[in-house]
Full PDB file with SEQRES, HELIX, SHEET, SSBOND, CRYST1, ORIGX, SCALE, CONECT and MASTER records, all heavy atoms in Angstrom:
SEQRES   1 A   40  SER SER ALA LEU ALA THR GLY ARG ALA ASP ALA PRO GLY          
SEQRES   2 A   40  ALA PRO GLY VAL ALA SER ASP TRP VAL THR GLY ASP LYS          
SEQRES   3 A   40  ALA GLY PHE GLY THR ALA ARG GLY THR ALA SER LYS VAL          
SEQRES   4 A   40  TRP                                                          
HELIX    1 AA1 ALA A    3  THR A    6  1                                   4    
CRYST1    1.000    1.000    1.000  90.00  90.00  90.00 P 1           1          
ORIGX1      1.000000  0.000000  0.000000        0.00000                         
ORIGX2      0.000000  1.000000  0.000000        0.00000                         
ORIGX3      0.000000  0.000000  1.000000        0.00000                         
SCALE1      1.000000  0.000000  0.000000        0.00000                         
SCALE2      0.000000  1.000000  0.000000        0.00000                         
SCALE3      0.000000  0.000000  1.000000        0.00000                         
ATOM      1  N   SER A   1     -73.792 -74.819 170.561  1.00  0.00           N  
ATOM      2  CA  SER A   1     -73.545 -73.493 171.123  1.00  0.00           C  
ATOM      3  C   SER A   1     -72.067 -73.170 171.218  1.00  0.00           C  
ATOM      4  O   SER A   1     -71.686 -72.062 171.504  1.00  0.00           O  
ATOM      5  CB  SER A   1     -74.184 -73.373 172.505  1.00  0.00           C  
ATOM      6  OG  SER A   1     -73.567 -74.284 173.387  1.00  0.00           O  
ATOM      7  N   SER A   2     -71.239 -74.127 170.952  1.00  0.00           N  
ATOM      8  CA  SER A   2     -69.796 -73.910 170.987  1.00  0.00           C  
ATOM      9  C   SER A   2     -69.286 -73.566 169.599  1.00  0.00           C  
ATOM     10  O   SER A   2     -69.771 -74.067 168.593  1.00  0.00           O  
ATOM     11  CB  SER A   2     -69.109 -75.181 171.492  1.00  0.00           C  
ATOM     12  OG  SER A   2     -67.718 -75.089 171.291  1.00  0.00           O  
ATOM     13  N   ALA A   3     -68.288 -72.697 169.508  1.00  0.00           N  
ATOM     14  CA  ALA A   3     -67.682 -72.346 168.221  1.00  0.00           C  
ATOM     15  C   ALA A   3     -67.049 -73.569 167.584  1.00  0.00           C  
ATOM     16  O   ALA A   3     -67.050 -73.716 166.362  1.00  0.00           O  
ATOM     17  CB  ALA A   3     -66.641 -71.241 168.396  1.00  0.00           C  
ATOM     18  N   LEU A   4     -66.505 -74.477 168.395  1.00  0.00           N  
ATOM     19  CA  LEU A   4     -65.900 -75.684 167.850  1.00  0.00           C  
ATOM     20  C   LEU A   4     -66.955 -76.597 167.235  1.00  0.00           C  
ATOM     21  O   LEU A   4     -66.728 -77.226 166.215  1.00  0.00           O  
ATOM     22  CB  LEU A   4     -65.137 -76.432 168.947  1.00  0.00           C  
ATOM     23  CG  LEU A   4     -63.913 -75.709 169.524  1.00  0.00           C  
ATOM     24  CD1 LEU A   4     -63.339 -76.505 170.683  1.00  0.00           C  
ATOM     25  CD2 LEU A   4     -62.874 -75.476 168.448  1.00  0.00           C  
ATOM     26  N   ALA A   5     -68.125 -76.648 167.858  1.00  0.00           N  
ATOM     27  CA  ALA A   5     -69.180 -77.510 167.348  1.00  0.00           C  
ATOM     28  C   ALA A   5     -69.738 -77.000 166.029  1.00  0.00           C  
ATOM     29  O   ALA A   5     -70.145 -77.771 165.177  1.00  0.00           O  
ATOM     30  CB  ALA A   5     -70.300 -77.631 168.381  1.00  0.00           C  
ATOM     31  N   THR A   6     -69.766 -75.695 165.850  1.00  0.00           N  
ATOM     32  CA  THR A   6     -70.313 -75.143 164.622  1.00  0.00           C  
ATOM     33  C   THR A   6     -69.261 -74.990 163.534  1.00  0.00           C  
ATOM     34  O   THR A   6     -69.589 -74.661 162.406  1.00  0.00           O  
ATOM     35  CB  THR A   6     -70.942 -73.758 164.892  1.00  0.00           C  
ATOM     36  OG1 THR A   6     -69.927 -72.877 165.383  1.00  0.00           O  
ATOM     37  CG2 THR A   6     -72.085 -73.850 165.870  1.00  0.00           C  
ATOM     38  N   GLY A   7     -67.984 -75.194 163.894  1.00  0.00           N  
ATOM     39  CA  GLY A   7     -66.928 -75.069 162.906  1.00  0.00           C  
ATOM     40  C   GLY A   7     -66.543 -73.631 162.608  1.00  0.00           C  
ATOM     41  O   GLY A   7     -65.810 -73.361 161.678  1.00  0.00           O  
ATOM     42  N   ARG A   8     -67.041 -72.679 163.389  1.00  0.00           N  
ATOM     43  CA  ARG A   8     -66.724 -71.263 163.176  1.00  0.00           C  
ATOM     44  C   ARG A   8     -65.431 -70.910 163.883  1.00  0.00           C  
ATOM     45  O   ARG A   8     -65.242 -71.233 165.030  1.00  0.00           O  
ATOM     46  CB  ARG A   8     -67.840 -70.378 163.706  1.00  0.00           C  
ATOM     47  CG  ARG A   8     -69.117 -70.483 162.913  1.00  0.00           C  
ATOM     48  CD  ARG A   8     -70.150 -69.508 163.389  1.00  0.00           C  
ATOM     49  NE  ARG A   8     -69.600 -68.158 163.318  1.00  0.00           N  
ATOM     50  CZ  ARG A   8     -70.063 -67.158 164.039  1.00  0.00           C  
ATOM     51  NH1 ARG A   8     -71.036 -67.351 164.883  1.00  0.00           N  
ATOM     52  NH2 ARG A   8     -69.536 -65.960 163.924  1.00  0.00           N  
ATOM     53  N   ALA A   9     -64.552 -70.227 163.185  1.00  0.00           N  
ATOM     54  CA  ALA A   9     -63.311 -69.768 163.779  1.00  0.00           C  
ATOM     55  C   ALA A   9     -63.339 -68.259 163.994  1.00  0.00           C  
ATOM     56  O   ALA A   9     -62.461 -67.715 164.629  1.00  0.00           O  
ATOM     57  CB  ALA A   9     -62.138 -70.147 162.891  1.00  0.00           C  
ATOM     58  N   ASP A  10     -64.339 -67.591 163.437  1.00  0.00           N  
ATOM     59  CA  ASP A  10     -64.440 -66.139 163.555  1.00  0.00           C  
ATOM     60  C   ASP A  10     -65.093 -65.742 164.868  1.00  0.00           C  
ATOM     61  O   ASP A  10     -65.893 -66.469 165.428  1.00  0.00           O  
ATOM     62  CB  ASP A  10     -65.287 -65.555 162.417  1.00  0.00           C  
ATOM     63  CG  ASP A  10     -64.662 -65.784 161.070  1.00  0.00           C  
ATOM     64  OD1 ASP A  10     -63.421 -65.903 161.007  1.00  0.00           O  
ATOM     65  OD2 ASP A  10     -65.404 -65.844 160.080  1.00  0.00           O  
ATOM     66  N   ALA A  11     -64.753 -64.559 165.322  1.00  0.00           N  
ATOM     67  CA  ALA A  11     -65.397 -64.010 166.501  1.00  0.00           C  
ATOM     68  C   ALA A  11     -66.812 -63.561 166.144  1.00  0.00           C  
ATOM     69  O   ALA A  11     -67.098 -63.270 164.976  1.00  0.00           O  
ATOM     70  CB  ALA A  11     -64.596 -62.827 167.017  1.00  0.00           C  
ATOM     71  N   PRO A  12     -67.713 -63.498 167.098  1.00  0.00           N  
ATOM     72  CA  PRO A  12     -69.058 -63.005 166.814  1.00  0.00           C  
ATOM     73  C   PRO A  12     -68.998 -61.587 166.238  1.00  0.00           C  
ATOM     74  O   PRO A  12     -68.233 -60.752 166.701  1.00  0.00           O  
ATOM     75  CB  PRO A  12     -69.739 -62.997 168.187  1.00  0.00           C  
ATOM     76  CG  PRO A  12     -68.957 -63.976 168.990  1.00  0.00           C  
ATOM     77  CD  PRO A  12     -67.545 -63.915 168.479  1.00  0.00           C  
ATOM     78  N   GLY A  13     -69.767 -61.331 165.205  1.00  0.00           N  
ATOM     79  CA  GLY A  13     -69.785 -60.024 164.565  1.00  0.00           C  
ATOM     80  C   GLY A  13     -68.677 -59.835 163.547  1.00  0.00           C  
ATOM     81  O   GLY A  13     -68.460 -58.734 163.073  1.00  0.00           O  
ATOM     82  N   ALA A  14     -67.956 -60.903 163.224  1.00  0.00           N  
ATOM     83  CA  ALA A  14     -66.832 -60.816 162.285  1.00  0.00           C  
ATOM     84  C   ALA A  14     -67.311 -60.318 160.935  1.00  0.00           C  
ATOM     85  O   ALA A  14     -68.456 -60.523 160.576  1.00  0.00           O  
ATOM     86  CB  ALA A  14     -66.161 -62.169 162.133  1.00  0.00           C  
ATOM     87  N   PRO A  15     -66.586 -59.630 160.138  1.00  0.00           N  
ATOM     88  CA  PRO A  15     -65.150 -59.398 160.279  1.00  0.00           C  
ATOM     89  C   PRO A  15     -64.807 -58.224 161.164  1.00  0.00           C  
ATOM     90  O   PRO A  15     -63.649 -58.023 161.487  1.00  0.00           O  
ATOM     91  CB  PRO A  15     -64.696 -59.121 158.858  1.00  0.00           C  
ATOM     92  CG  PRO A  15     -65.857 -58.448 158.218  1.00  0.00           C  
ATOM     93  CD  PRO A  15     -67.075 -59.085 158.862  1.00  0.00           C  
ATOM     94  N   GLY A  16     -65.754 -57.431 161.580  1.00  0.00           N  
ATOM     95  CA  GLY A  16     -65.454 -56.321 162.470  1.00  0.00           C  
ATOM     96  C   GLY A  16     -64.939 -55.109 161.716  1.00  0.00           C  
ATOM     97  O   GLY A  16     -64.958 -55.055 160.498  1.00  0.00           O  
ATOM     98  N   VAL A  17     -64.460 -54.165 162.464  1.00  0.00           N  
ATOM     99  CA  VAL A  17     -63.973 -52.914 161.898  1.00  0.00           C  
ATOM    100  C   VAL A  17     -62.469 -53.018 161.689  1.00  0.00           C  
ATOM    101  O   VAL A  17     -61.750 -53.554 162.532  1.00  0.00           O  
ATOM    102  CB  VAL A  17     -64.297 -51.737 162.852  1.00  0.00           C  
ATOM    103  CG1 VAL A  17     -63.763 -50.433 162.314  1.00  0.00           C  
ATOM    104  CG2 VAL A  17     -65.787 -51.645 163.078  1.00  0.00           C  
ATOM    105  N   ALA A  18     -61.996 -52.501 160.578  1.00  0.00           N  
ATOM    106  CA  ALA A  18     -60.565 -52.522 160.299  1.00  0.00           C  
ATOM    107  C   ALA A  18     -59.813 -51.657 161.318  1.00  0.00           C  
ATOM    108  O   ALA A  18     -60.322 -50.643 161.776  1.00  0.00           O  
ATOM    109  CB  ALA A  18     -60.303 -52.003 158.894  1.00  0.00           C  
ATOM    110  N   SER A  19     -58.621 -52.082 161.652  1.00  0.00           N  
ATOM    111  CA  SER A  19     -57.796 -51.342 162.589  1.00  0.00           C  
ATOM    112  C   SER A  19     -57.378 -50.012 161.992  1.00  0.00           C  
ATOM    113  O   SER A  19     -57.108 -49.903 160.802  1.00  0.00           O  
ATOM    114  CB  SER A  19     -56.552 -52.159 162.926  1.00  0.00           C  
ATOM    115  OG  SER A  19     -55.662 -51.403 163.695  1.00  0.00           O  
ATOM    116  N   ASP A  20     -57.335 -48.981 162.827  1.00  0.00           N  
ATOM    117  CA  ASP A  20     -56.901 -47.676 162.336  1.00  0.00           C  
ATOM    118  C   ASP A  20     -55.584 -47.246 162.965  1.00  0.00           C  
ATOM    119  O   ASP A  20     -55.226 -46.083 162.944  1.00  0.00           O  
ATOM    120  CB  ASP A  20     -57.973 -46.617 162.554  1.00  0.00           C  
ATOM    121  CG  ASP A  20     -58.266 -46.386 164.024  1.00  0.00           C  
ATOM    122  OD1 ASP A  20     -57.815 -47.169 164.861  1.00  0.00           O  
ATOM    123  OD2 ASP A  20     -58.946 -45.404 164.331  1.00  0.00           O  
ATOM    124  N   TRP A  21     -54.855 -48.181 163.533  1.00  0.00           N  
ATOM    125  CA  TRP A  21     -53.572 -47.867 164.135  1.00  0.00           C  
ATOM    126  C   TRP A  21     -52.470 -47.962 163.100  1.00  0.00           C  
ATOM    127  O   TRP A  21     -52.469 -48.832 162.248  1.00  0.00           O  
ATOM    128  CB  TRP A  21     -53.258 -48.828 165.283  1.00  0.00           C  
ATOM    129  CG  TRP A  21     -54.201 -48.659 166.417  1.00  0.00           C  
ATOM    130  CD1 TRP A  21     -55.277 -49.444 166.706  1.00  0.00           C  
ATOM    131  CD2 TRP A  21     -54.185 -47.629 167.392  1.00  0.00           C  
ATOM    132  NE1 TRP A  21     -55.931 -48.966 167.811  1.00  0.00           N  
ATOM    133  CE2 TRP A  21     -55.279 -47.852 168.253  1.00  0.00           C  
ATOM    134  CE3 TRP A  21     -53.359 -46.539 167.625  1.00  0.00           C  
ATOM    135  CZ2 TRP A  21     -55.557 -47.027 169.323  1.00  0.00           C  
ATOM    136  CZ3 TRP A  21     -53.643 -45.728 168.703  1.00  0.00           C  
ATOM    137  CH2 TRP A  21     -54.729 -45.979 169.539  1.00  0.00           C  
ATOM    138  N   VAL A  22     -51.521 -47.086 163.191  1.00  0.00           N  
ATOM    139  CA  VAL A  22     -50.349 -47.149 162.319  1.00  0.00           C  
ATOM    140  C   VAL A  22     -49.262 -47.926 163.045  1.00  0.00           C  
ATOM    141  O   VAL A  22     -49.356 -48.194 164.240  1.00  0.00           O  
ATOM    142  CB  VAL A  22     -49.856 -45.736 161.924  1.00  0.00           C  
ATOM    143  CG1 VAL A  22     -50.906 -45.024 161.105  1.00  0.00           C  
ATOM    144  CG2 VAL A  22     -49.488 -44.915 163.119  1.00  0.00           C  
ATOM    145  N   THR A  23     -48.246 -48.286 162.321  1.00  0.00           N  
ATOM    146  CA  THR A  23     -47.181 -49.087 162.894  1.00  0.00           C  
ATOM    147  C   THR A  23     -46.482 -48.357 164.044  1.00  0.00           C  
ATOM    148  O   THR A  23     -46.418 -47.127 164.064  1.00  0.00           O  
ATOM    149  CB  THR A  23     -46.158 -49.458 161.808  1.00  0.00           C  
ATOM    150  OG1 THR A  23     -45.118 -50.223 162.418  1.00  0.00           O  
ATOM    151  CG2 THR A  23     -45.535 -48.233 161.178  1.00  0.00           C  
ATOM    152  N   GLY A  24     -45.958 -49.093 164.978  1.00  0.00           N  
ATOM    153  CA  GLY A  24     -45.240 -48.507 166.100  1.00  0.00           C  
ATOM    154  C   GLY A  24     -43.773 -48.255 165.788  1.00  0.00           C  
ATOM    155  O   GLY A  24     -43.033 -47.727 166.607  1.00  0.00           O  
ATOM    156  N   ASP A  25     -43.338 -48.642 164.606  1.00  0.00           N  
ATOM    157  CA  ASP A  25     -41.944 -48.479 164.189  1.00  0.00           C  
ATOM    158  C   ASP A  25     -41.716 -47.044 163.718  1.00  0.00           C  
ATOM    159  O   ASP A  25     -41.774 -46.751 162.538  1.00  0.00           O  
ATOM    160  CB  ASP A  25     -41.638 -49.476 163.079  1.00  0.00           C  
ATOM    161  CG  ASP A  25     -40.188 -49.453 162.655  1.00  0.00           C  
ATOM    162  OD1 ASP A  25     -39.352 -48.972 163.432  1.00  0.00           O  
ATOM    163  OD2 ASP A  25     -39.894 -49.913 161.547  1.00  0.00           O  
ATOM    164  N   LYS A  26     -41.465 -46.155 164.652  1.00  0.00           N  
ATOM    165  CA  LYS A  26     -41.321 -44.723 164.338  1.00  0.00           C  
ATOM    166  C   LYS A  26     -39.857 -44.370 164.112  1.00  0.00           C  
ATOM    167  O   LYS A  26     -38.967 -44.890 164.763  1.00  0.00           O  
ATOM    168  CB  LYS A  26     -41.858 -43.857 165.472  1.00  0.00           C  
ATOM    169  CG  LYS A  26     -43.305 -44.126 165.819  1.00  0.00           C  
ATOM    170  CD  LYS A  26     -44.214 -43.748 164.699  1.00  0.00           C  
ATOM    171  CE  LYS A  26     -45.645 -43.932 165.134  1.00  0.00           C  
ATOM    172  NZ  LYS A  26     -46.497 -44.396 164.122  1.00  0.00           N  
ATOM    173  N   ALA A  27     -39.631 -43.459 163.179  1.00  0.00           N  
ATOM    174  CA  ALA A  27     -38.284 -42.960 162.914  1.00  0.00           C  
ATOM    175  C   ALA A  27     -38.024 -41.667 163.676  1.00  0.00           C  
ATOM    176  O   ALA A  27     -36.879 -41.271 163.853  1.00  0.00           O  
ATOM    177  CB  ALA A  27     -38.095 -42.730 161.417  1.00  0.00           C  
ATOM    178  N   GLY A  28     -39.075 -41.001 164.116  1.00  0.00           N  
ATOM    179  CA  GLY A  28     -38.881 -39.752 164.839  1.00  0.00           C  
ATOM    180  C   GLY A  28     -40.149 -39.252 165.486  1.00  0.00           C  
ATOM    181  O   GLY A  28     -41.254 -39.699 165.160  1.00  0.00           O  
ATOM    182  N   PHE A  29     -39.969 -38.349 166.416  1.00  0.00           N  
ATOM    183  CA  PHE A  29     -41.065 -37.738 167.151  1.00  0.00           C  
ATOM    184  C   PHE A  29     -40.664 -36.295 167.415  1.00  0.00           C  
ATOM    185  O   PHE A  29     -39.516 -36.037 167.763  1.00  0.00           O  
ATOM    186  CB  PHE A  29     -41.289 -38.487 168.474  1.00  0.00           C  
ATOM    187  CG  PHE A  29     -42.421 -37.947 169.289  1.00  0.00           C  
ATOM    188  CD1 PHE A  29     -43.705 -38.372 169.043  1.00  0.00           C  
ATOM    189  CD2 PHE A  29     -42.209 -37.019 170.290  1.00  0.00           C  
ATOM    190  CE1 PHE A  29     -44.771 -37.878 169.788  1.00  0.00           C  
ATOM    191  CE2 PHE A  29     -43.255 -36.521 171.041  1.00  0.00           C  
ATOM    192  CZ  PHE A  29     -44.537 -36.958 170.784  1.00  0.00           C  
ATOM    193  N   GLY A  30     -41.567 -35.347 167.217  1.00  0.00           N  
ATOM    194  CA  GLY A  30     -41.160 -33.967 167.410  1.00  0.00           C  
ATOM    195  C   GLY A  30     -42.293 -33.028 167.724  1.00  0.00           C  
ATOM    196  O   GLY A  30     -43.462 -33.398 167.711  1.00  0.00           O  
ATOM    197  N   THR A  31     -41.895 -31.793 167.994  1.00  0.00           N  
ATOM    198  CA  THR A  31     -42.819 -30.703 168.262  1.00  0.00           C  
ATOM    199  C   THR A  31     -42.099 -29.400 167.924  1.00  0.00           C  
ATOM    200  O   THR A  31     -40.949 -29.426 167.486  1.00  0.00           O  
ATOM    201  CB  THR A  31     -43.303 -30.715 169.731  1.00  0.00           C  
ATOM    202  OG1 THR A  31     -44.344 -29.768 169.887  1.00  0.00           O  
ATOM    203  CG2 THR A  31     -42.183 -30.420 170.693  1.00  0.00           C  
ATOM    204  N   ALA A  32     -42.746 -28.284 168.150  1.00  0.00           N  
ATOM    205  CA  ALA A  32     -42.125 -26.982 167.896  1.00  0.00           C  
ATOM    206  C   ALA A  32     -41.031 -26.726 168.936  1.00  0.00           C  
ATOM    207  O   ALA A  32     -41.008 -27.338 170.003  1.00  0.00           O  
ATOM    208  CB  ALA A  32     -43.172 -25.882 167.951  1.00  0.00           C  
ATOM    209  N   ARG A  33     -40.159 -25.813 168.625  1.00  0.00           N  
ATOM    210  CA  ARG A  33     -39.068 -25.495 169.553  1.00  0.00           C  
ATOM    211  C   ARG A  33     -39.559 -24.750 170.787  1.00  0.00           C  
ATOM    212  O   ARG A  33     -39.006 -24.903 171.866  1.00  0.00           O  
ATOM    213  CB  ARG A  33     -38.020 -24.654 168.832  1.00  0.00           C  
ATOM    214  CG  ARG A  33     -37.280 -25.459 167.789  1.00  0.00           C  
ATOM    215  CD  ARG A  33     -36.240 -24.649 167.101  1.00  0.00           C  
ATOM    216  NE  ARG A  33     -35.176 -24.316 168.067  1.00  0.00           N  
ATOM    217  CZ  ARG A  33     -34.047 -23.741 167.743  1.00  0.00           C  
ATOM    218  NH1 ARG A  33     -33.835 -23.404 166.476  1.00  0.00           N  
ATOM    219  NH2 ARG A  33     -33.144 -23.478 168.647  1.00  0.00           N  
ATOM    220  N   GLY A  34     -40.603 -23.959 170.636  1.00  0.00           N  
ATOM    221  CA  GLY A  34     -41.125 -23.196 171.769  1.00  0.00           C  
ATOM    222  C   GLY A  34     -42.009 -24.057 172.659  1.00  0.00           C  
ATOM    223  O   GLY A  34     -42.492 -25.117 172.277  1.00  0.00           O  
ATOM    224  N   THR A  35     -42.254 -23.585 173.856  1.00  0.00           N  
ATOM    225  CA  THR A  35     -43.075 -24.342 174.813  1.00  0.00           C  
ATOM    226  C   THR A  35     -44.567 -24.069 174.662  1.00  0.00           C  
ATOM    227  O   THR A  35     -45.382 -24.751 175.278  1.00  0.00           O  
ATOM    228  CB  THR A  35     -42.653 -24.002 176.254  1.00  0.00           C  
ATOM    229  OG1 THR A  35     -42.795 -22.591 176.450  1.00  0.00           O  
ATOM    230  CG2 THR A  35     -41.225 -24.426 176.519  1.00  0.00           C  
ATOM    231  N   ALA A  36     -44.937 -23.102 173.842  1.00  0.00           N  
ATOM    232  CA  ALA A  36     -46.350 -22.754 173.692  1.00  0.00           C  
ATOM    233  C   ALA A  36     -47.091 -23.702 172.735  1.00  0.00           C  
ATOM    234  O   ALA A  36     -48.314 -23.760 172.746  1.00  0.00           O  
ATOM    235  CB  ALA A  36     -46.490 -21.322 173.178  1.00  0.00           C  
ATOM    236  N   SER A  37     -46.370 -24.461 171.921  1.00  0.00           N  
ATOM    237  CA  SER A  37     -47.000 -25.337 170.936  1.00  0.00           C  
ATOM    238  C   SER A  37     -47.717 -26.505 171.601  1.00  0.00           C  
ATOM    239  O   SER A  37     -47.217 -27.098 172.554  1.00  0.00           O  
ATOM    240  CB  SER A  37     -45.952 -25.884 169.968  1.00  0.00           C  
ATOM    241  OG  SER A  37     -46.559 -26.794 169.066  1.00  0.00           O  
ATOM    242  N   LYS A  38     -48.900 -26.817 171.068  1.00  0.00           N  
ATOM    243  CA  LYS A  38     -49.647 -27.987 171.515  1.00  0.00           C  
ATOM    244  C   LYS A  38     -49.772 -28.994 170.382  1.00  0.00           C  
ATOM    245  O   LYS A  38     -50.696 -29.780 170.334  1.00  0.00           O  
ATOM    246  CB  LYS A  38     -51.036 -27.575 172.005  1.00  0.00           C  
ATOM    247  CG  LYS A  38     -50.987 -26.785 173.270  1.00  0.00           C  
ATOM    248  CD  LYS A  38     -52.378 -26.542 173.788  1.00  0.00           C  
ATOM    249  CE  LYS A  38     -52.319 -25.770 175.087  1.00  0.00           C  
ATOM    250  NZ  LYS A  38     -53.627 -25.571 175.659  1.00  0.00           N  
ATOM    251  N   VAL A  39     -48.824 -28.966 169.452  1.00  0.00           N  
ATOM    252  CA  VAL A  39     -48.827 -29.873 168.312  1.00  0.00           C  
ATOM    253  C   VAL A  39     -47.579 -30.746 168.384  1.00  0.00           C  
ATOM    254  O   VAL A  39     -46.470 -30.251 168.554  1.00  0.00           O  
ATOM    255  CB  VAL A  39     -48.840 -29.097 166.971  1.00  0.00           C  
ATOM    256  CG1 VAL A  39     -48.788 -30.058 165.797  1.00  0.00           C  
ATOM    257  CG2 VAL A  39     -50.067 -28.217 166.884  1.00  0.00           C  
ATOM    258  N   TRP A  40     -47.779 -32.067 168.269  1.00  0.00           N  
ATOM    259  CA  TRP A  40     -46.684 -33.023 168.217  1.00  0.00           C  
ATOM    260  C   TRP A  40     -46.874 -33.877 166.980  1.00  0.00           C  
ATOM    261  O   TRP A  40     -47.972 -33.985 166.451  1.00  0.00           O  
ATOM    262  CB  TRP A  40     -46.696 -33.918 169.462  1.00  0.00           C  
ATOM    263  CG  TRP A  40     -46.526 -33.167 170.741  1.00  0.00           C  
ATOM    264  CD1 TRP A  40     -45.355 -32.906 171.380  1.00  0.00           C  
ATOM    265  CD2 TRP A  40     -47.551 -32.590 171.542  1.00  0.00           C  
ATOM    266  NE1 TRP A  40     -45.588 -32.196 172.531  1.00  0.00           N  
ATOM    267  CE2 TRP A  40     -46.935 -31.989 172.658  1.00  0.00           C  
ATOM    268  CE3 TRP A  40     -48.939 -32.506 171.427  1.00  0.00           C  
ATOM    269  CZ2 TRP A  40     -47.644 -31.330 173.647  1.00  0.00           C  
ATOM    270  CZ3 TRP A  40     -49.642 -31.851 172.413  1.00  0.00           C  
ATOM    271  CH2 TRP A  40     -49.006 -31.274 173.505  1.00  0.00           C  
TER     272      TRP A  40                                                      
MASTER        0    0    0    1    0    0    0    6  271    1    0    4          
END                                                                             
C-alpha cells in the first residue's frame, strides 16, 4: 500500500493535467490611461 513498496514515484492519477501558468518573469504590466478601463 506504500508508494515505496510498489516502486511508484508518480502521484495517484499521474500524469495529470498540464500546467496552464505562464512564467512569472514579466517585462511589463499595463492598462489604459483612463480610469474607466477594466482591461490589464
